[in-house]
């Protein structure tokens, strides 16, 4: 199963030498998207798979500090995504009304 293969490569990775998802996909013979999905499944099962915003790759948390640093960055990304969605939700009706008015003006 893919997640077990990915987990096997993660066991040999470290923060200093993370597992690159493109390399892993090439070695396993799958897509990098499938590797990201396997990482997601492992994380949802509670496996502490770390990464950073520099996109260097993935590794298993080596200690609590390693995990907490990842956790802080991960939550920060989620917070930014939530802010973006909220702003888009709030602007949505105005944008749709404006676009509808512009289309009516130019097409009508």
PDB file of N, CA and C in Angstrom:
ATOM      1  N   UNK A   1       0.853  -1.182   0.000  1.00  0.00           N
ATOM      2  CA  UNK A   1       0.000   0.000   0.000  1.00  0.00           C
ATOM      3  C   UNK A   1       0.896   1.242   0.000  1.00  0.00           C
ATOM      4  N   UNK A   2       0.462   2.270  -0.683  1.00  0.00           N
ATOM      5  CA  UNK A   2       1.278   3.463  -0.880  1.00  0.00           C
ATOM      6  C   UNK A   2       1.707   4.117   0.425  1.00  0.00           C
ATOM      7  N   UNK A   3       0.774   4.255   1.357  1.00  0.00           N
ATOM      8  CA  UNK A   3       1.134   4.965   2.597  1.00  0.00           C
ATOM      9  C   UNK A   3       2.244   4.235   3.352  1.00  0.00           C
ATOM     10  N   UNK A   4       2.262   2.903   3.291  1.00  0.00           N
ATOM     11  CA  UNK A   4       3.321   2.148   3.963  1.00  0.00           C
ATOM     12  C   UNK A   4       4.670   2.377   3.279  1.00  0.00           C
ATOM     13  N   UNK A   5       4.650   2.457   1.949  1.00  0.00           N
ATOM     14  CA  UNK A   5       5.895   2.744   1.220  1.00  0.00           C
ATOM     15  C   UNK A   5       6.417   4.130   1.578  1.00  0.00           C
ATOM     16  N   UNK A   6       5.519   5.100   1.593  1.00  0.00           N
ATOM     17  CA  UNK A   6       5.903   6.470   1.940  1.00  0.00           C
ATOM     18  C   UNK A   6       6.435   6.508   3.368  1.00  0.00           C
ATOM     19  N   UNK A   7       5.754   5.827   4.279  1.00  0.00           N
ATOM     20  CA  UNK A   7       6.198   5.783   5.677  1.00  0.00           C
ATOM     21  C   UNK A   7       7.605   5.183   5.773  1.00  0.00           C
ATOM     22  N   UNK A   8       7.871   4.175   4.985  1.00  0.00           N
ATOM     23  CA  UNK A   8       9.199   3.571   4.973  1.00  0.00           C
ATOM     24  C   UNK A   8      10.274   4.571   4.576  1.00  0.00           C
ATOM     25  N   UNK A   9      10.003   5.396   3.578  1.00  0.00           N
ATOM     26  CA  UNK A   9      10.961   6.423   3.172  1.00  0.00           C
ATOM     27  C   UNK A   9      11.075   7.519   4.240  1.00  0.00           C
ATOM     28  N   UNK A  10       9.953   7.833   4.889  1.00  0.00           N
ATOM     29  CA  UNK A  10       9.988   8.854   5.941  1.00  0.00           C
ATOM     30  C   UNK A  10      10.865   8.426   7.115  1.00  0.00           C
ATOM     31  N   UNK A  11      10.896   7.137   7.400  1.00  0.00           N
ATOM     32  CA  UNK A  11      11.712   6.646   8.517  1.00  0.00           C
ATOM     33  C   UNK A  11      13.200   6.883   8.274  1.00  0.00           C
ATOM     34  N   UNK A  12      13.577   7.026   7.008  1.00  0.00           N
ATOM     35  CA  UNK A  12      14.978   7.288   6.681  1.00  0.00           C
ATOM     36  C   UNK A  12      15.264   8.769   6.452  1.00  0.00           C
ATOM     37  N   UNK A  13      14.254   9.600   6.570  1.00  0.00           N
ATOM     38  CA  UNK A  13      14.410  11.044   6.363  1.00  0.00           C
ATOM     39  C   UNK A  13      14.664  11.724   7.705  1.00  0.00           C
ATOM     40  N   UNK A  14      15.108  12.959   7.637  1.00  0.00           N
ATOM     41  CA  UNK A  14      15.308  13.769   8.843  1.00  0.00           C
ATOM     42  C   UNK A  14      15.086  15.231   8.474  1.00  0.00           C
ATOM     43  N   UNK A  15      15.060  16.080   9.464  1.00  0.00           N
ATOM     44  CA  UNK A  15      14.875  17.507   9.207  1.00  0.00           C
ATOM     45  C   UNK A  15      16.010  18.032   8.329  1.00  0.00           C
ATOM     46  N   UNK A  16      17.211  17.532   8.545  1.00  0.00           N
ATOM     47  CA  UNK A  16      18.358  17.972   7.746  1.00  0.00           C
ATOM     48  C   UNK A  16      18.359  17.350   6.352  1.00  0.00           C
ATOM     49  N   UNK A  17      17.772  16.168   6.227  1.00  0.00           N
ATOM     50  CA  UNK A  17      17.681  15.475   4.931  1.00  0.00           C
ATOM     51  C   UNK A  17      16.253  14.974   4.746  1.00  0.00           C
ATOM     52  N   UNK A  18      15.327  15.909   4.460  1.00  0.00           N
ATOM     53  CA  UNK A  18      13.915  15.513   4.332  1.00  0.00           C
ATOM     54  C   UNK A  18      13.656  14.712   3.057  1.00  0.00           C
ATOM     55  N   UNK A  19      12.536  13.999   3.063  1.00  0.00           N
ATOM     56  CA  UNK A  19      12.107  13.231   1.900  1.00  0.00           C
ATOM     57  C   UNK A  19      11.419  14.175   0.925  1.00  0.00           C
ATOM     58  N   UNK A  20      11.932  14.267  -0.270  1.00  0.00           N
ATOM     59  CA  UNK A  20      11.344  15.097  -1.311  1.00  0.00           C
ATOM     60  C   UNK A  20      10.209  14.328  -1.970  1.00  0.00           C
ATOM     61  N   UNK A  21       9.027  14.917  -2.088  1.00  0.00           N
ATOM     62  CA  UNK A  21       7.874  14.192  -2.620  1.00  0.00           C
ATOM     63  C   UNK A  21       8.026  13.863  -4.103  1.00  0.00           C
ATOM     64  N   UNK A  22       8.737  14.696  -4.853  1.00  0.00           N
ATOM     65  CA  UNK A  22       8.945  14.420  -6.276  1.00  0.00           C
ATOM     66  C   UNK A  22       9.869  13.214  -6.447  1.00  0.00           C
ATOM     67  N   UNK A  23      10.924  13.174  -5.656  1.00  0.00           N
ATOM     68  CA  UNK A  23      11.839  12.038  -5.685  1.00  0.00           C
ATOM     69  C   UNK A  23      11.103  10.767  -5.284  1.00  0.00           C
ATOM     70  N   UNK A  24      10.331  10.856  -4.202  1.00  0.00           N
ATOM     71  CA  UNK A  24       9.596   9.703  -3.695  1.00  0.00           C
ATOM     72  C   UNK A  24       8.608   9.198  -4.745  1.00  0.00           C
ATOM     73  N   UNK A  25       7.911  10.107  -5.400  1.00  0.00           N
ATOM     74  CA  UNK A  25       6.950   9.729  -6.436  1.00  0.00           C
ATOM     75  C   UNK A  25       7.665   9.013  -7.579  1.00  0.00           C
ATOM     76  N   UNK A  26       8.818   9.515  -7.957  1.00  0.00           N
ATOM     77  CA  UNK A  26       9.587   8.906  -9.036  1.00  0.00           C
ATOM     78  C   UNK A  26      10.042   7.491  -8.650  1.00  0.00           C
ATOM     79  N   UNK A  27      10.565   7.347  -7.441  1.00  0.00           N
ATOM     80  CA  UNK A  27      11.067   6.047  -6.981  1.00  0.00           C
ATOM     81  C   UNK A  27       9.940   5.027  -6.872  1.00  0.00           C
ATOM     82  N   UNK A  28       8.799   5.451  -6.338  1.00  0.00           N
ATOM     83  CA  UNK A  28       7.665   4.540  -6.148  1.00  0.00           C
ATOM     84  C   UNK A  28       6.926   4.307  -7.467  1.00  0.00           C
ATOM     85  N   UNK A  29       6.978   5.298  -8.357  1.00  0.00           N
ATOM     86  CA  UNK A  29       6.269   5.183  -9.629  1.00  0.00           C
ATOM     87  C   UNK A  29       4.844   5.668  -9.557  1.00  0.00           C
ATOM     88  N   UNK A  30       4.657   6.800  -8.884  1.00  0.00           N
ATOM     89  CA  UNK A  30       3.327   7.384  -8.758  1.00  0.00           C
ATOM     90  C   UNK A  30       3.449   8.896  -8.917  1.00  0.00           C
ATOM     91  N   UNK A  31       2.377   9.613  -8.698  1.00  0.00           N
ATOM     92  CA  UNK A  31       2.399  11.072  -8.828  1.00  0.00           C
ATOM     93  C   UNK A  31       2.768  11.723  -7.501  1.00  0.00           C
ATOM     94  N   UNK A  32       3.250  12.951  -7.591  1.00  0.00           N
ATOM     95  CA  UNK A  32       3.555  13.671  -6.343  1.00  0.00           C
ATOM     96  C   UNK A  32       2.267  13.965  -5.583  1.00  0.00           C
ATOM     97  N   UNK A  33       1.161  14.093  -6.296  1.00  0.00           N
ATOM     98  CA  UNK A  33      -0.142  14.298  -5.646  1.00  0.00           C
ATOM     99  C   UNK A  33      -0.496  13.082  -4.786  1.00  0.00           C
ATOM    100  N   UNK A  34      -0.217  11.887  -5.297  1.00  0.00           N
ATOM    101  CA  UNK A  34      -0.484  10.662  -4.534  1.00  0.00           C
ATOM    102  C   UNK A  34       0.387  10.622  -3.275  1.00  0.00           C
ATOM    103  N   UNK A  35       1.610  11.126  -3.388  1.00  0.00           N
ATOM    104  CA  UNK A  35       2.499  11.176  -2.217  1.00  0.00           C
ATOM    105  C   UNK A  35       1.918  12.144  -1.185  1.00  0.00           C
ATOM    106  N   UNK A  36       1.470  13.312  -1.639  1.00  0.00           N
ATOM    107  CA  UNK A  36       0.860  14.275  -0.706  1.00  0.00           C
ATOM    108  C   UNK A  36      -0.380  13.692  -0.049  1.00  0.00           C
ATOM    109  N   UNK A  37      -1.173  12.944  -0.799  1.00  0.00           N
ATOM    110  CA  UNK A  37      -2.359  12.298  -0.218  1.00  0.00           C
ATOM    111  C   UNK A  37      -1.966  11.265   0.827  1.00  0.00           C
ATOM    112  N   UNK A  38      -0.915  10.501   0.554  1.00  0.00           N
ATOM    113  CA  UNK A  38      -0.440   9.515   1.527  1.00  0.00           C
ATOM    114  C   UNK A  38       0.044  10.211   2.803  1.00  0.00           C
ATOM    115  N   UNK A  39       0.728  11.339   2.646  1.00  0.00           N
ATOM    116  CA  UNK A  39       1.176  12.128   3.808  1.00  0.00           C
ATOM    117  C   UNK A  39      -0.034  12.586   4.610  1.00  0.00           C
ATOM    118  N   UNK A  40      -1.060  13.057   3.920  1.00  0.00           N
ATOM    119  CA  UNK A  40      -2.294  13.509   4.574  1.00  0.00           C
ATOM    120  C   UNK A  40      -2.933  12.373   5.361  1.00  0.00           C
ATOM    121  N   UNK A  41      -3.000  11.191   4.767  1.00  0.00           N
ATOM    122  CA  UNK A  41      -3.575  10.037   5.458  1.00  0.00           C
ATOM    123  C   UNK A  41      -2.763   9.700   6.700  1.00  0.00           C
ATOM    124  N   UNK A  42      -1.448   9.675   6.560  1.00  0.00           N
ATOM    125  CA  UNK A  42      -0.588   9.379   7.718  1.00  0.00           C
ATOM    126  C   UNK A  42      -0.816  10.402   8.829  1.00  0.00           C
ATOM    127  N   UNK A  43      -0.868  11.682   8.466  1.00  0.00           N
ATOM    128  CA  UNK A  43      -1.096  12.732   9.476  1.00  0.00           C
ATOM    129  C   UNK A  43      -2.456  12.550  10.142  1.00  0.00           C
ATOM    130  N   UNK A  44      -3.476  12.233   9.355  1.00  0.00           N
ATOM    131  CA  UNK A  44      -4.815  12.033   9.921  1.00  0.00           C
ATOM    132  C   UNK A  44      -4.877  10.811  10.825  1.00  0.00           C
ATOM    133  N   UNK A  45      -3.951   9.899  10.660  1.00  0.00           N
ATOM    134  CA  UNK A  45      -3.849   8.731  11.547  1.00  0.00           C
ATOM    135  C   UNK A  45      -2.989   9.031  12.778  1.00  0.00           C
ATOM    136  N   UNK A  46      -2.484  10.259  12.863  1.00  0.00           N
ATOM    137  CA  UNK A  46      -1.709  10.663  14.032  1.00  0.00           C
ATOM    138  C   UNK A  46      -0.205  10.560  13.883  1.00  0.00           C
ATOM    139  N   UNK A  47       0.269  10.174  12.713  1.00  0.00           N
ATOM    140  CA  UNK A  47       1.711  10.106  12.495  1.00  0.00           C
ATOM    141  C   UNK A  47       2.233  11.536  12.383  1.00  0.00           C
ATOM    142  N   UNK A  48       3.246  11.854  13.134  1.00  0.00           N
ATOM    143  CA  UNK A  48       3.771  13.225  13.163  1.00  0.00           C
ATOM    144  C   UNK A  48       4.739  13.455  12.005  1.00  0.00           C
ATOM    145  N   UNK A  49       4.149  13.641  10.832  1.00  0.00           N
ATOM    146  CA  UNK A  49       4.918  13.933   9.625  1.00  0.00           C
ATOM    147  C   UNK A  49       5.092  15.443   9.554  1.00  0.00           C
ATOM    148  N   UNK A  50       6.329  15.885   9.621  1.00  0.00           N
ATOM    149  CA  UNK A  50       6.629  17.318   9.607  1.00  0.00           C
ATOM    150  C   UNK A  50       7.036  17.773   8.212  1.00  0.00           C
ATOM    151  N   UNK A  51       6.904  19.060   7.997  1.00  0.00           N
ATOM    152  CA  UNK A  51       7.385  19.725   6.790  1.00  0.00           C
ATOM    153  C   UNK A  51       7.589  21.186   7.178  1.00  0.00           C
ATOM    154  N   UNK A  52       8.104  21.983   6.254  1.00  0.00           N
ATOM    155  CA  UNK A  52       8.216  23.408   6.540  1.00  0.00           C
ATOM    156  C   UNK A  52       7.751  24.203   5.332  1.00  0.00           C
ATOM    157  N   UNK A  53       7.630  25.485   5.488  1.00  0.00           N
ATOM    158  CA  UNK A  53       7.094  26.325   4.412  1.00  0.00           C
ATOM    159  C   UNK A  53       8.094  26.523   3.278  1.00  0.00           C
ATOM    160  N   UNK A  54       9.303  26.024   3.444  1.00  0.00           N
ATOM    161  CA  UNK A  54      10.310  26.160   2.394  1.00  0.00           C
ATOM    162  C   UNK A  54      10.177  25.058   1.342  1.00  0.00           C
ATOM    163  N   UNK A  55       9.285  24.102   1.577  1.00  0.00           N
ATOM    164  CA  UNK A  55       9.024  23.048   0.616  1.00  0.00           C
ATOM    165  C   UNK A  55      10.174  22.089   0.401  1.00  0.00           C
ATOM    166  N   UNK A  56      11.029  21.934   1.398  1.00  0.00           N
ATOM    167  CA  UNK A  56      12.187  21.057   1.245  1.00  0.00           C
ATOM    168  C   UNK A  56      11.812  19.594   1.290  1.00  0.00           C
ATOM    169  N   UNK A  57      10.730  19.249   1.966  1.00  0.00           N
ATOM    170  CA  UNK A  57      10.319  17.864   2.038  1.00  0.00           C
ATOM    171  C   UNK A  57       9.673  17.515   3.358  1.00  0.00           C
ATOM    172  N   UNK A  58       9.630  16.220   3.645  1.00  0.00           N
ATOM    173  CA  UNK A  58       8.931  15.699   4.812  1.00  0.00           C
ATOM    174  C   UNK A  58       9.872  14.841   5.656  1.00  0.00           C
ATOM    175  N   UNK A  59       9.578  14.777   6.944  1.00  0.00           N
ATOM    176  CA  UNK A  59      10.315  13.926   7.871  1.00  0.00           C
ATOM    177  C   UNK A  59       9.430  13.631   9.060  1.00  0.00           C
ATOM    178  N   UNK A  60       9.761  12.604   9.796  1.00  0.00           N
ATOM    179  CA  UNK A  60       9.032  12.293  11.022  1.00  0.00           C
ATOM    180  C   UNK A  60       9.618  13.133  12.153  1.00  0.00           C
ATOM    181  N   UNK A  61       8.744  13.665  12.997  1.00  0.00           N
ATOM    182  CA  UNK A  61       9.208  14.477  14.125  1.00  0.00           C
ATOM    183  C   UNK A  61      10.224  13.673  14.933  1.00  0.00           C
ATOM    184  N   UNK A  62      11.360  14.300  15.198  1.00  0.00           N
ATOM    185  CA  UNK A  62      12.422  13.613  15.927  1.00  0.00           C
ATOM    186  C   UNK A  62      12.276  13.767  17.437  1.00  0.00           C
ATOM    187  N   UNK A  63      11.554  14.811  17.842  1.00  0.00           N
ATOM    188  CA  UNK A  63      11.289  15.038  19.262  1.00  0.00           C
ATOM    189  C   UNK A  63      10.112  16.012  19.382  1.00  0.00           C
ATOM    190  N   UNK A  64       9.720  16.312  20.581  1.00  0.00           N
ATOM    191  CA  UNK A  64       8.557  17.181  20.810  1.00  0.00           C
ATOM    192  C   UNK A  64       8.789  18.591  20.277  1.00  0.00           C
ATOM    193  N   UNK A  65      10.001  19.120  20.431  1.00  0.00           N
ATOM    194  CA  UNK A  65      10.300  20.462  19.910  1.00  0.00           C
ATOM    195  C   UNK A  65      10.167  20.513  18.392  1.00  0.00           C
ATOM    196  N   UNK A  66      10.633  19.467  17.728  1.00  0.00           N
ATOM    197  CA  UNK A  66      10.524  19.375  16.276  1.00  0.00           C
ATOM    198  C   UNK A  66       9.052  19.410  15.868  1.00  0.00           C
ATOM    199  N   UNK A  67       8.233  18.609  16.543  1.00  0.00           N
ATOM    200  CA  UNK A  67       6.802  18.577  16.239  1.00  0.00           C
ATOM    201  C   UNK A  67       6.142  19.926  16.537  1.00  0.00           C
ATOM    202  N   UNK A  68       6.467  20.530  17.655  1.00  0.00           N
ATOM    203  CA  UNK A  68       5.831  21.797  18.031  1.00  0.00           C
ATOM    204  C   UNK A  68       6.179  22.922  17.053  1.00  0.00           C
ATOM    205  N   UNK A  69       7.392  22.915  16.528  1.00  0.00           N
ATOM    206  CA  UNK A  69       7.771  23.918  15.519  1.00  0.00           C
ATOM    207  C   UNK A  69       6.937  23.716  14.259  1.00  0.00           C
ATOM    208  N   UNK A  70       6.801  22.460  13.822  1.00  0.00           N
ATOM    209  CA  UNK A  70       5.956  22.157  12.660  1.00  0.00           C
ATOM    210  C   UNK A  70       4.516  22.574  12.937  1.00  0.00           C
ATOM    211  N   UNK A  71       4.014  22.201  14.104  1.00  0.00           N
ATOM    212  CA  UNK A  71       2.619  22.472  14.474  1.00  0.00           C
ATOM    213  C   UNK A  71       2.310  23.959  14.415  1.00  0.00           C
ATOM    214  N   UNK A  72       3.210  24.770  14.935  1.00  0.00           N
ATOM    215  CA  UNK A  72       3.014  26.213  14.932  1.00  0.00           C
ATOM    216  C   UNK A  72       2.910  26.753  13.507  1.00  0.00           C
ATOM    217  N   UNK A  73       3.798  26.304  12.641  1.00  0.00           N
ATOM    218  CA  UNK A  73       3.781  26.757  11.252  1.00  0.00           C
ATOM    219  C   UNK A  73       2.535  26.257  10.522  1.00  0.00           C
ATOM    220  N   UNK A  74       2.149  25.038  10.788  1.00  0.00           N
ATOM    221  CA  UNK A  74       0.981  24.431  10.149  1.00  0.00           C
ATOM    222  C   UNK A  74      -0.296  25.179  10.538  1.00  0.00           C
ATOM    223  N   UNK A  75      -0.431  25.496  11.811  1.00  0.00           N
ATOM    224  CA  UNK A  75      -1.594  26.257  12.282  1.00  0.00           C
ATOM    225  C   UNK A  75      -1.601  27.650  11.668  1.00  0.00           C
ATOM    226  N   UNK A  76      -0.433  28.254  11.541  1.00  0.00           N
ATOM    227  CA  UNK A  76      -0.337  29.578  10.936  1.00  0.00           C
ATOM    228  C   UNK A  76      -0.854  29.551   9.497  1.00  0.00           C
ATOM    229  N   UNK A  77      -0.488  28.500   8.744  1.00  0.00           N
ATOM    230  CA  UNK A  77      -0.988  28.365   7.369  1.00  0.00           C
ATOM    231  C   UNK A  77      -2.502  28.217   7.355  1.00  0.00           C
ATOM    232  N   UNK A  78      -3.025  27.418   8.263  1.00  0.00           N
ATOM    233  CA  UNK A  78      -4.481  27.213   8.333  1.00  0.00           C
ATOM    234  C   UNK A  78      -5.187  28.522   8.680  1.00  0.00           C
ATOM    235  N   UNK A  79      -4.598  29.294   9.561  1.00  0.00           N
ATOM    236  CA  UNK A  79      -5.179  30.581   9.951  1.00  0.00           C
ATOM    237  C   UNK A  79      -5.229  31.523   8.751  1.00  0.00           C
ATOM    238  N   UNK A  80      -4.163  31.557   7.966  1.00  0.00           N
ATOM    239  CA  UNK A  80      -4.137  32.410   6.774  1.00  0.00           C
ATOM    240  C   UNK A  80      -5.186  31.965   5.763  1.00  0.00           C
ATOM    241  N   UNK A  81      -5.340  30.679   5.578  1.00  0.00           N
ATOM    242  CA  UNK A  81      -6.345  30.164   4.653  1.00  0.00           C
ATOM    243  C   UNK A  81      -7.740  30.559   5.120  1.00  0.00           C
ATOM    244  N   UNK A  82      -7.990  30.441   6.417  1.00  0.00           N
ATOM    245  CA  UNK A  82      -9.292  30.807   6.977  1.00  0.00           C
ATOM    246  C   UNK A  82      -9.574  32.292   6.770  1.00  0.00           C
ATOM    247  N   UNK A  83      -8.576  33.147   6.976  1.00  0.00           N
ATOM    248  CA  UNK A  83      -8.750  34.596   6.757  1.00  0.00           C
ATOM    249  C   UNK A  83      -9.079  34.876   5.301  1.00  0.00           C
ATOM    250  N   UNK A  84      -8.397  34.207   4.392  1.00  0.00           N
ATOM    251  CA  UNK A  84      -8.627  34.414   2.961  1.00  0.00           C
ATOM    252  C   UNK A  84     -10.040  34.013   2.575  1.00  0.00           C
ATOM    253  N   UNK A  85     -10.482  32.849   3.042  1.00  0.00           N
ATOM    254  CA  UNK A  85     -11.833  32.383   2.734  1.00  0.00           C
ATOM    255  C   UNK A  85     -12.863  33.354   3.290  1.00  0.00           C
ATOM    256  N   UNK A  86     -12.652  33.834   4.503  1.00  0.00           N
ATOM    257  CA  UNK A  86     -13.588  34.785   5.109  1.00  0.00           C
ATOM    258  C   UNK A  86     -13.675  36.065   4.275  1.00  0.00           C
ATOM    259  N   UNK A  87     -12.517  36.586   3.850  1.00  0.00           N
ATOM    260  CA  UNK A  87     -12.513  37.804   3.032  1.00  0.00           C
ATOM    261  C   UNK A  87     -13.214  37.572   1.698  1.00  0.00           C
ATOM    262  N   UNK A  88     -12.975  36.418   1.096  1.00  0.00           N
ATOM    263  CA  UNK A  88     -13.628  36.106  -0.171  1.00  0.00           C
ATOM    264  C   UNK A  88     -15.125  35.924   0.009  1.00  0.00           C
ATOM    265  N   UNK A  89     -15.543  35.293   1.111  1.00  0.00           N
ATOM    266  CA  UNK A  89     -16.967  35.144   1.401  1.00  0.00           C
ATOM    267  C   UNK A  89     -17.632  36.502   1.539  1.00  0.00           C
ATOM    268  N   UNK A  90     -16.987  37.385   2.284  1.00  0.00           N
ATOM    269  CA  UNK A  90     -17.571  38.708   2.535  1.00  0.00           C
ATOM    270  C   UNK A  90     -17.629  39.557   1.273  1.00  0.00           C
ATOM    271  N   UNK A  91     -16.656  39.402   0.390  1.00  0.00           N
ATOM    272  CA  UNK A  91     -16.628  40.192  -0.839  1.00  0.00           C
ATOM    273  C   UNK A  91     -17.453  39.552  -1.950  1.00  0.00           C
ATOM    274  N   UNK A  92     -17.799  38.304  -1.781  1.00  0.00           N
ATOM    275  CA  UNK A  92     -18.458  37.546  -2.842  1.00  0.00           C
ATOM    276  C   UNK A  92     -19.696  38.179  -3.413  1.00  0.00           C
ATOM    277  N   UNK A  93     -20.624  38.548  -2.582  1.00  0.00           N
ATOM    278  CA  UNK A  93     -21.886  39.118  -3.077  1.00  0.00           C
ATOM    279  C   UNK A  93     -21.650  40.435  -3.791  1.00  0.00           C
ATOM    280  N   UNK A  94     -20.767  41.265  -3.261  1.00  0.00           N
ATOM    281  CA  UNK A  94     -20.473  42.545  -3.914  1.00  0.00           C
ATOM    282  C   UNK A  94     -19.828  42.305  -5.277  1.00  0.00           C
ATOM    283  N   UNK A  95     -18.912  41.350  -5.334  1.00  0.00           N
ATOM    284  CA  UNK A  95     -18.225  41.046  -6.588  1.00  0.00           C
ATOM    285  C   UNK A  95     -19.210  40.511  -7.618  1.00  0.00           C
ATOM    286  N   UNK A  96     -20.077  39.614  -7.217  1.00  0.00           N
ATOM    287  CA  UNK A  96     -21.047  39.033  -8.144  1.00  0.00           C
ATOM    288  C   UNK A  96     -22.006  40.113  -8.649  1.00  0.00           C
ATOM    289  N   UNK A  97     -22.468  40.994  -7.762  1.00  0.00           N
ATOM    290  CA  UNK A  97     -23.365  42.086  -8.147  1.00  0.00           C
ATOM    291  C   UNK A  97     -22.669  43.024  -9.120  1.00  0.00           C
ATOM    292  N   UNK A  98     -21.401  43.363  -8.826  1.00  0.00           N
ATOM    293  CA  UNK A  98     -20.637  44.260  -9.694  1.00  0.00           C
ATOM    294  C   UNK A  98     -20.416  43.631 -11.067  1.00  0.00           C
ATOM    295  N   UNK A  99     -20.016  42.358 -11.100  1.00  0.00           N
ATOM    296  CA  UNK A  99     -19.787  41.684 -12.382  1.00  0.00           C
ATOM    297  C   UNK A  99     -21.073  41.583 -13.182  1.00  0.00           C
ATOM    298  N   UNK A 100     -22.170  41.295 -12.517  1.00  0.00           N
ATOM    299  CA  UNK A 100     -23.461  41.233 -13.208  1.00  0.00           C
ATOM    300  C   UNK A 100     -23.829  42.571 -13.814  1.00  0.00           C
ATOM    301  N   UNK A 101     -23.584  43.652 -13.070  1.00  0.00           N
ATOM    302  CA  UNK A 101     -23.878  44.998 -13.574  1.00  0.00           C
ATOM    303  C   UNK A 101     -23.008  45.353 -14.764  1.00  0.00           C
ATOM    304  N   UNK A 102     -21.722  44.989 -14.698  1.00  0.00           N
ATOM    305  CA  UNK A 102     -20.811  45.276 -15.808  1.00  0.00           C
ATOM    306  C   UNK A 102     -21.197  44.491 -17.050  1.00  0.00           C
ATOM    307  N   UNK A 103     -21.554  43.223 -16.874  1.00  0.00           N
ATOM    308  CA  UNK A 103     -21.974  42.421 -18.027  1.00  0.00           C
ATOM    309  C   UNK A 103     -23.237  43.007 -18.669  1.00  0.00           C
ATOM    310  N   UNK A 104     -24.176  43.415 -17.832  1.00  0.00           N
ATOM    311  CA  UNK A 104     -25.420  43.999 -18.349  1.00  0.00           C
ATOM    312  C   UNK A 104     -25.111  45.290 -19.114  1.00  0.00           C
ATOM    313  N   UNK A 105     -24.177  46.074 -18.585  1.00  0.00           N
ATOM    314  CA  UNK A 105     -23.816  47.344 -19.213  1.00  0.00           C
ATOM    315  C   UNK A 105     -23.175  47.115 -20.595  1.00  0.00           C
ATOM    316  N   UNK A 106     -22.259  46.163 -20.671  1.00  0.00           N
ATOM    317  CA  UNK A 106     -21.533  45.930 -21.925  1.00  0.00           C
ATOM    318  C   UNK A 106     -22.282  45.029 -22.913  1.00  0.00           C
ATOM    319  N   UNK A 107     -23.167  44.184 -22.391  1.00  0.00           N
ATOM    320  CA  UNK A 107     -23.901  43.280 -23.264  1.00  0.00           C
ATOM    321  C   UNK A 107     -25.305  43.796 -23.590  1.00  0.00           C
ATOM    322  N   UNK A 108     -25.714  44.769 -22.866  1.00  0.00           N
ATOM    323  CA  UNK A 108     -27.098  45.145 -22.971  1.00  0.00           C
ATOM    324  C   UNK A 108     -27.390  46.338 -23.740  1.00  0.00           C
TER     325      UNK A 108
END
